[in-house]
């Protein structure tokens, strides 16, 4: 028997309305979650607000046709090959992972309520404590501010540290096509992320007697 989510996926594929897919509000209840791609001590953990409709139906991160994530990712050469959303799981082999503040898919951030974002923040904190990525990248200034409860006056490397979390926080503009405020320079922050990661790896190689968290902290101080 076909599930509601499967029926919805088939209907959308037939519609050919890829850029502006409209689904009934009640159908969002059946949208499947996009699983986390995460393991211990990643170099980079990308953190989104929550999966969109296309990401949910395709089962991959940043799948929307108007999302600029993969274009910017490839332009920054964070890895030695070009990839698409369909290959997001392969990036675990490159020490790059993905998660979201809220697991429930929806059409927009405005569909999320304060209670589930607060709950998602607590869950994300536990993930950071457990997996300890070197760099936790918030793909959207609003996500970082929602998570920390504070303001982000300048994107890039952040000074904030959380107890029991060794990760450095890095904030970049949202890559969704509907977020146009930083459309002119969103790719720049992917390049800055690459430079920051390279600085951490260089620091690691230069003094192997120091632990990884110290390397990350030293590199962060140089970048701020």
C-alpha atoms as a PDB file:
ATOM      1  CA  UNK A   1       0.000   0.000   0.000  1.00  0.00           C
ATOM      2  CA  UNK A   2       1.354   3.461  -0.917  1.00  0.00           C
ATOM      3  CA  UNK A   3       1.974   5.848   1.961  1.00  0.00           C
ATOM      4  CA  UNK A   4       0.643   9.423   1.881  1.00  0.00           C
ATOM      5  CA  UNK A   5       4.217  10.665   1.432  1.00  0.00           C
ATOM      6  CA  UNK A   6       4.798   8.338  -1.517  1.00  0.00           C
ATOM      7  CA  UNK A   7       1.563   9.445  -3.200  1.00  0.00           C
ATOM      8  CA  UNK A   8       2.545  13.060  -2.655  1.00  0.00           C
ATOM      9  CA  UNK A   9       5.975  12.465  -4.196  1.00  0.00           C
ATOM     10  CA  UNK A  10       4.497  10.838  -7.301  1.00  0.00           C
ATOM     11  CA  UNK A  11       1.979  13.647  -7.717  1.00  0.00           C
ATOM     12  CA  UNK A  12       4.728  16.263  -7.520  1.00  0.00           C
ATOM     13  CA  UNK A  13       6.953  14.489 -10.020  1.00  0.00           C
ATOM     14  CA  UNK A  14       4.111  14.469 -12.511  1.00  0.00           C
ATOM     15  CA  UNK A  15       3.302  18.120 -11.981  1.00  0.00           C
ATOM     16  CA  UNK A  16       6.573  19.450 -13.463  1.00  0.00           C
ATOM     17  CA  UNK A  17       6.189  22.503 -11.224  1.00  0.00           C
ATOM     18  CA  UNK A  18       9.681  22.155  -9.851  1.00  0.00           C
ATOM     19  CA  UNK A  19      10.395  25.752  -8.892  1.00  0.00           C
ATOM     20  CA  UNK A  20       7.129  26.600  -7.203  1.00  0.00           C
ATOM     21  CA  UNK A  21       5.652  23.390  -5.931  1.00  0.00           C
ATOM     22  CA  UNK A  22       2.391  23.910  -4.087  1.00  0.00           C
ATOM     23  CA  UNK A  23       1.103  21.260  -1.742  1.00  0.00           C
ATOM     24  CA  UNK A  24      -1.854  21.338   0.631  1.00  0.00           C
ATOM     25  CA  UNK A  25      -0.912  22.521   4.106  1.00  0.00           C
ATOM     26  CA  UNK A  26      -2.259  19.324   5.641  1.00  0.00           C
ATOM     27  CA  UNK A  27      -0.003  17.245   3.381  1.00  0.00           C
ATOM     28  CA  UNK A  28       3.077  18.545   5.223  1.00  0.00           C
ATOM     29  CA  UNK A  29       2.188  16.142   8.029  1.00  0.00           C
ATOM     30  CA  UNK A  30       3.275  13.279   5.789  1.00  0.00           C
ATOM     31  CA  UNK A  31       6.550  14.753   4.544  1.00  0.00           C
ATOM     32  CA  UNK A  32       9.414  12.385   5.462  1.00  0.00           C
ATOM     33  CA  UNK A  33      12.319  13.695   7.489  1.00  0.00           C
ATOM     34  CA  UNK A  34      15.786  13.969   5.990  1.00  0.00           C
ATOM     35  CA  UNK A  35      18.179  11.842   8.076  1.00  0.00           C
ATOM     36  CA  UNK A  36      21.214  13.408   9.704  1.00  0.00           C
ATOM     37  CA  UNK A  37      24.557  12.758   8.036  1.00  0.00           C
ATOM     38  CA  UNK A  38      26.933  12.900  10.971  1.00  0.00           C
ATOM     39  CA  UNK A  39      29.739  11.097  12.760  1.00  0.00           C
ATOM     40  CA  UNK A  40      32.385  11.875  15.376  1.00  0.00           C
ATOM     41  CA  UNK A  41      34.858  14.729  14.861  1.00  0.00           C
ATOM     42  CA  UNK A  42      33.743  15.979  11.472  1.00  0.00           C
ATOM     43  CA  UNK A  43      35.731  18.810   9.944  1.00  0.00           C
ATOM     44  CA  UNK A  44      32.483  20.611   9.072  1.00  0.00           C
ATOM     45  CA  UNK A  45      28.892  20.115  10.208  1.00  0.00           C
ATOM     46  CA  UNK A  46      26.433  22.166   8.153  1.00  0.00           C
ATOM     47  CA  UNK A  47      23.336  23.150  10.156  1.00  0.00           C
ATOM     48  CA  UNK A  48      20.144  24.193   8.396  1.00  0.00           C
ATOM     49  CA  UNK A  49      16.891  25.416   9.893  1.00  0.00           C
ATOM     50  CA  UNK A  50      14.779  22.445   8.709  1.00  0.00           C
ATOM     51  CA  UNK A  51      14.291  20.468   5.478  1.00  0.00           C
ATOM     52  CA  UNK A  52      12.227  22.050   2.730  1.00  0.00           C
ATOM     53  CA  UNK A  53       9.638  20.221   0.655  1.00  0.00           C
ATOM     54  CA  UNK A  54      12.014  19.192  -2.125  1.00  0.00           C
ATOM     55  CA  UNK A  55      14.700  18.045   0.311  1.00  0.00           C
ATOM     56  CA  UNK A  56      12.099  15.972   2.137  1.00  0.00           C
ATOM     57  CA  UNK A  57      10.739  14.298  -0.963  1.00  0.00           C
ATOM     58  CA  UNK A  58      14.163  13.628  -2.462  1.00  0.00           C
ATOM     59  CA  UNK A  59      15.787  12.625   0.816  1.00  0.00           C
ATOM     60  CA  UNK A  60      18.807  14.887   0.297  1.00  0.00           C
ATOM     61  CA  UNK A  61      19.980  18.178   1.773  1.00  0.00           C
ATOM     62  CA  UNK A  62      19.462  21.493  -0.032  1.00  0.00           C
ATOM     63  CA  UNK A  63      17.600  19.859  -2.930  1.00  0.00           C
ATOM     64  CA  UNK A  64      15.432  22.813  -3.911  1.00  0.00           C
ATOM     65  CA  UNK A  65      16.104  23.918  -7.507  1.00  0.00           C
ATOM     66  CA  UNK A  66      16.497  27.559  -6.423  1.00  0.00           C
ATOM     67  CA  UNK A  67      18.847  26.751  -3.535  1.00  0.00           C
ATOM     68  CA  UNK A  68      22.403  27.968  -4.112  1.00  0.00           C
ATOM     69  CA  UNK A  69      24.114  25.693  -1.587  1.00  0.00           C
ATOM     70  CA  UNK A  70      25.746  23.232  -3.964  1.00  0.00           C
ATOM     71  CA  UNK A  71      26.783  25.882  -6.473  1.00  0.00           C
ATOM     72  CA  UNK A  72      28.592  27.789  -3.717  1.00  0.00           C
ATOM     73  CA  UNK A  73      29.973  24.601  -2.163  1.00  0.00           C
ATOM     74  CA  UNK A  74      31.554  23.531  -5.447  1.00  0.00           C
ATOM     75  CA  UNK A  75      32.875  26.996  -6.244  1.00  0.00           C
ATOM     76  CA  UNK A  76      34.762  27.093  -2.921  1.00  0.00           C
ATOM     77  CA  UNK A  77      36.401  23.706  -3.649  1.00  0.00           C
ATOM     78  CA  UNK A  78      35.837  22.434  -0.128  1.00  0.00           C
ATOM     79  CA  UNK A  79      36.593  18.995  -1.551  1.00  0.00           C
ATOM     80  CA  UNK A  80      38.489  17.836  -4.649  1.00  0.00           C
ATOM     81  CA  UNK A  81      35.407  17.097  -6.788  1.00  0.00           C
ATOM     82  CA  UNK A  82      32.060  18.601  -7.700  1.00  0.00           C
ATOM     83  CA  UNK A  83      28.959  17.129  -6.099  1.00  0.00           C
ATOM     84  CA  UNK A  84      25.190  17.592  -6.133  1.00  0.00           C
ATOM     85  CA  UNK A  85      22.537  17.122  -3.469  1.00  0.00           C
ATOM     86  CA  UNK A  86      22.207  13.480  -4.530  1.00  0.00           C
ATOM     87  CA  UNK A  87      25.744  12.834  -3.289  1.00  0.00           C
ATOM     88  CA  UNK A  88      25.418  14.497   0.111  1.00  0.00           C
ATOM     89  CA  UNK A  89      25.920  11.206   1.980  1.00  0.00           C
ATOM     90  CA  UNK A  90      29.268  10.632   0.254  1.00  0.00           C
ATOM     91  CA  UNK A  91      30.636  13.739   1.962  1.00  0.00           C
ATOM     92  CA  UNK A  92      30.855  11.849   5.254  1.00  0.00           C
ATOM     93  CA  UNK A  93      33.980  10.280   3.742  1.00  0.00           C
ATOM     94  CA  UNK A  94      35.335  13.834   3.437  1.00  0.00           C
ATOM     95  CA  UNK A  95      34.482  14.596   7.087  1.00  0.00           C
ATOM     96  CA  UNK A  96      31.574  16.847   6.130  1.00  0.00           C
ATOM     97  CA  UNK A  97      28.114  16.282   7.578  1.00  0.00           C
ATOM     98  CA  UNK A  98      24.610  17.725   7.726  1.00  0.00           C
ATOM     99  CA  UNK A  99      21.897  18.270  10.301  1.00  0.00           C
ATOM    100  CA  UNK A 100      19.061  20.718  11.012  1.00  0.00           C
ATOM    101  CA  UNK A 101      17.832  22.722  13.957  1.00  0.00           C
ATOM    102  CA  UNK A 102      14.354  21.220  13.469  1.00  0.00           C
ATOM    103  CA  UNK A 103      13.817  17.825  11.858  1.00  0.00           C
ATOM    104  CA  UNK A 104      10.233  18.444  10.699  1.00  0.00           C
ATOM    105  CA  UNK A 105      10.061  19.451   7.013  1.00  0.00           C
ATOM    106  CA  UNK A 106       7.990  22.450   5.969  1.00  0.00           C
ATOM    107  CA  UNK A 107       7.614  24.962   3.176  1.00  0.00           C
ATOM    108  CA  UNK A 108       9.201  27.820   5.117  1.00  0.00           C
ATOM    109  CA  UNK A 109      10.887  28.698   8.399  1.00  0.00           C
ATOM    110  CA  UNK A 110       7.781  30.688   9.304  1.00  0.00           C
ATOM    111  CA  UNK A 111       5.857  27.394   9.517  1.00  0.00           C
ATOM    112  CA  UNK A 112       7.898  26.376  12.570  1.00  0.00           C
ATOM    113  CA  UNK A 113       6.760  27.344  16.053  1.00  0.00           C
ATOM    114  CA  UNK A 114       8.868  28.575  18.963  1.00  0.00           C
ATOM    115  CA  UNK A 115       8.386  25.382  20.954  1.00  0.00           C
ATOM    116  CA  UNK A 116       9.817  23.081  18.310  1.00  0.00           C
ATOM    117  CA  UNK A 117      12.712  25.460  17.587  1.00  0.00           C
ATOM    118  CA  UNK A 118      13.555  25.567  21.298  1.00  0.00           C
ATOM    119  CA  UNK A 119      13.370  21.775  21.474  1.00  0.00           C
ATOM    120  CA  UNK A 120      15.500  21.539  18.351  1.00  0.00           C
ATOM    121  CA  UNK A 121      18.094  23.787  19.971  1.00  0.00           C
ATOM    122  CA  UNK A 122      18.400  21.436  22.932  1.00  0.00           C
ATOM    123  CA  UNK A 123      18.756  18.448  20.610  1.00  0.00           C
ATOM    124  CA  UNK A 124      21.379  20.245  18.521  1.00  0.00           C
ATOM    125  CA  UNK A 125      23.371  21.097  21.649  1.00  0.00           C
ATOM    126  CA  UNK A 126      23.474  17.412  22.576  1.00  0.00           C
ATOM    127  CA  UNK A 127      24.594  16.512  19.043  1.00  0.00           C
ATOM    128  CA  UNK A 128      27.439  19.012  19.260  1.00  0.00           C
ATOM    129  CA  UNK A 129      28.499  17.616  22.624  1.00  0.00           C
ATOM    130  CA  UNK A 130      28.379  14.054  21.332  1.00  0.00           C
ATOM    131  CA  UNK A 131      29.988  14.447  17.907  1.00  0.00           C
ATOM    132  CA  UNK A 132      32.278  17.455  18.464  1.00  0.00           C
ATOM    133  CA  UNK A 133      32.696  18.729  14.886  1.00  0.00           C
ATOM    134  CA  UNK A 134      35.631  21.090  14.404  1.00  0.00           C
ATOM    135  CA  UNK A 135      33.443  23.715  12.737  1.00  0.00           C
ATOM    136  CA  UNK A 136      29.670  23.987  13.203  1.00  0.00           C
ATOM    137  CA  UNK A 137      28.397  25.994  10.245  1.00  0.00           C
ATOM    138  CA  UNK A 138      25.019  27.705  10.552  1.00  0.00           C
ATOM    139  CA  UNK A 139      23.622  28.138   7.041  1.00  0.00           C
ATOM    140  CA  UNK A 140      21.674  31.274   7.858  1.00  0.00           C
ATOM    141  CA  UNK A 141      22.177  34.086  10.350  1.00  0.00           C
ATOM    142  CA  UNK A 142      18.670  33.560  11.715  1.00  0.00           C
ATOM    143  CA  UNK A 143      19.430  29.933  12.579  1.00  0.00           C
ATOM    144  CA  UNK A 144      22.433  30.935  14.673  1.00  0.00           C
ATOM    145  CA  UNK A 145      20.489  33.674  16.456  1.00  0.00           C
ATOM    146  CA  UNK A 146      17.592  31.310  17.143  1.00  0.00           C
ATOM    147  CA  UNK A 147      19.969  28.675  18.516  1.00  0.00           C
ATOM    148  CA  UNK A 148      22.068  30.992  20.700  1.00  0.00           C
ATOM    149  CA  UNK A 149      19.376  33.492  21.659  1.00  0.00           C
ATOM    150  CA  UNK A 150      21.754  36.329  20.814  1.00  0.00           C
ATOM    151  CA  UNK A 151      22.619  38.601  17.916  1.00  0.00           C
ATOM    152  CA  UNK A 152      25.144  37.926  15.183  1.00  0.00           C
ATOM    153  CA  UNK A 153      26.558  41.355  14.275  1.00  0.00           C
ATOM    154  CA  UNK A 154      29.022  39.890  11.782  1.00  0.00           C
ATOM    155  CA  UNK A 155      28.992  36.596   9.932  1.00  0.00           C
ATOM    156  CA  UNK A 156      31.958  34.239   9.711  1.00  0.00           C
ATOM    157  CA  UNK A 157      33.817  32.846  12.736  1.00  0.00           C
ATOM    158  CA  UNK A 158      32.063  33.481  16.057  1.00  0.00           C
ATOM    159  CA  UNK A 159      33.689  33.931  19.472  1.00  0.00           C
ATOM    160  CA  UNK A 160      30.875  32.223  21.376  1.00  0.00           C
ATOM    161  CA  UNK A 161      31.780  28.925  23.034  1.00  0.00           C
ATOM    162  CA  UNK A 162      29.336  26.501  24.655  1.00  0.00           C
ATOM    163  CA  UNK A 163      30.174  24.369  27.703  1.00  0.00           C
ATOM    164  CA  UNK A 164      31.372  20.875  26.735  1.00  0.00           C
ATOM    165  CA  UNK A 165      31.394  21.841  23.049  1.00  0.00           C
ATOM    166  CA  UNK A 166      34.804  22.247  21.393  1.00  0.00           C
ATOM    167  CA  UNK A 167      33.358  23.289  18.024  1.00  0.00           C
ATOM    168  CA  UNK A 168      33.960  26.733  16.567  1.00  0.00           C
ATOM    169  CA  UNK A 169      30.763  28.355  15.272  1.00  0.00           C
ATOM    170  CA  UNK A 170      30.757  29.785  11.772  1.00  0.00           C
ATOM    171  CA  UNK A 171      27.812  31.731  10.349  1.00  0.00           C
ATOM    172  CA  UNK A 172      27.100  32.162   6.643  1.00  0.00           C
ATOM    173  CA  UNK A 173      24.130  33.568   4.713  1.00  0.00           C
ATOM    174  CA  UNK A 174      21.163  31.331   3.983  1.00  0.00           C
ATOM    175  CA  UNK A 175      21.426  29.735   0.558  1.00  0.00           C
ATOM    176  CA  UNK A 176      17.705  29.534  -0.201  1.00  0.00           C
ATOM    177  CA  UNK A 177      16.632  31.351  -3.321  1.00  0.00           C
ATOM    178  CA  UNK A 178      13.984  33.274  -1.375  1.00  0.00           C
ATOM    179  CA  UNK A 179      16.688  34.812   0.855  1.00  0.00           C
ATOM    180  CA  UNK A 180      18.071  37.627  -1.265  1.00  0.00           C
ATOM    181  CA  UNK A 181      19.730  39.849   1.351  1.00  0.00           C
ATOM    182  CA  UNK A 182      23.183  38.348   0.763  1.00  0.00           C
ATOM    183  CA  UNK A 183      22.685  36.956  -2.729  1.00  0.00           C
ATOM    184  CA  UNK A 184      25.617  39.003  -4.028  1.00  0.00           C
ATOM    185  CA  UNK A 185      28.188  37.548  -1.647  1.00  0.00           C
ATOM    186  CA  UNK A 186      26.893  34.280  -0.196  1.00  0.00           C
ATOM    187  CA  UNK A 187      29.589  32.358  -2.145  1.00  0.00           C
ATOM    188  CA  UNK A 188      32.235  34.481  -0.422  1.00  0.00           C
ATOM    189  CA  UNK A 189      31.456  32.838   2.905  1.00  0.00           C
ATOM    190  CA  UNK A 190      32.010  29.364   1.499  1.00  0.00           C
ATOM    191  CA  UNK A 191      35.471  30.532   0.427  1.00  0.00           C
ATOM    192  CA  UNK A 192      36.067  31.973   3.912  1.00  0.00           C
ATOM    193  CA  UNK A 193      35.011  28.640   5.399  1.00  0.00           C
ATOM    194  CA  UNK A 194      37.523  26.841   3.172  1.00  0.00           C
ATOM    195  CA  UNK A 195      40.279  29.243   4.282  1.00  0.00           C
ATOM    196  CA  UNK A 196      39.359  28.733   7.932  1.00  0.00           C
ATOM    197  CA  UNK A 197      39.364  24.946   7.616  1.00  0.00           C
ATOM    198  CA  UNK A 198      42.732  25.059   5.849  1.00  0.00           C
ATOM    199  CA  UNK A 199      44.132  27.189   8.676  1.00  0.00           C
ATOM    200  CA  UNK A 200      42.972  24.626  11.240  1.00  0.00           C
ATOM    201  CA  UNK A 201      44.540  21.752   9.336  1.00  0.00           C
ATOM    202  CA  UNK A 202      47.786  23.690   8.941  1.00  0.00           C
ATOM    203  CA  UNK A 203      47.822  24.337  12.685  1.00  0.00           C
ATOM    204  CA  UNK A 204      47.276  20.638  13.350  1.00  0.00           C
ATOM    205  CA  UNK A 205      50.228  19.652  11.209  1.00  0.00           C
ATOM    206  CA  UNK A 206      52.527  22.289  12.701  1.00  0.00           C
ATOM    207  CA  UNK A 207      52.195  21.099  16.282  1.00  0.00           C
ATOM    208  CA  UNK A 208      50.971  17.529  16.670  1.00  0.00           C
ATOM    209  CA  UNK A 209      51.564  17.662  20.424  1.00  0.00           C
ATOM    210  CA  UNK A 210      48.562  19.948  20.933  1.00  0.00           C
ATOM    211  CA  UNK A 211      45.041  18.516  21.031  1.00  0.00           C
ATOM    212  CA  UNK A 212      42.553  19.194  18.218  1.00  0.00           C
ATOM    213  CA  UNK A 213      40.322  21.502  20.315  1.00  0.00           C
ATOM    214  CA  UNK A 214      43.327  23.776  20.985  1.00  0.00           C
ATOM    215  CA  UNK A 215      44.123  23.871  17.282  1.00  0.00           C
ATOM    216  CA  UNK A 216      40.587  24.899  16.509  1.00  0.00           C
ATOM    217  CA  UNK A 217      40.621  27.608  19.172  1.00  0.00           C
ATOM    218  CA  UNK A 218      43.969  29.005  17.979  1.00  0.00           C
ATOM    219  CA  UNK A 219      42.796  29.130  14.368  1.00  0.00           C
ATOM    220  CA  UNK A 220      39.556  30.813  15.412  1.00  0.00           C
ATOM    221  CA  UNK A 221      41.427  33.536  17.278  1.00  0.00           C
ATOM    222  CA  UNK A 222      43.475  34.270  14.179  1.00  0.00           C
ATOM    223  CA  UNK A 223      40.391  34.510  11.967  1.00  0.00           C
ATOM    224  CA  UNK A 224      38.313  36.772  14.256  1.00  0.00           C
END
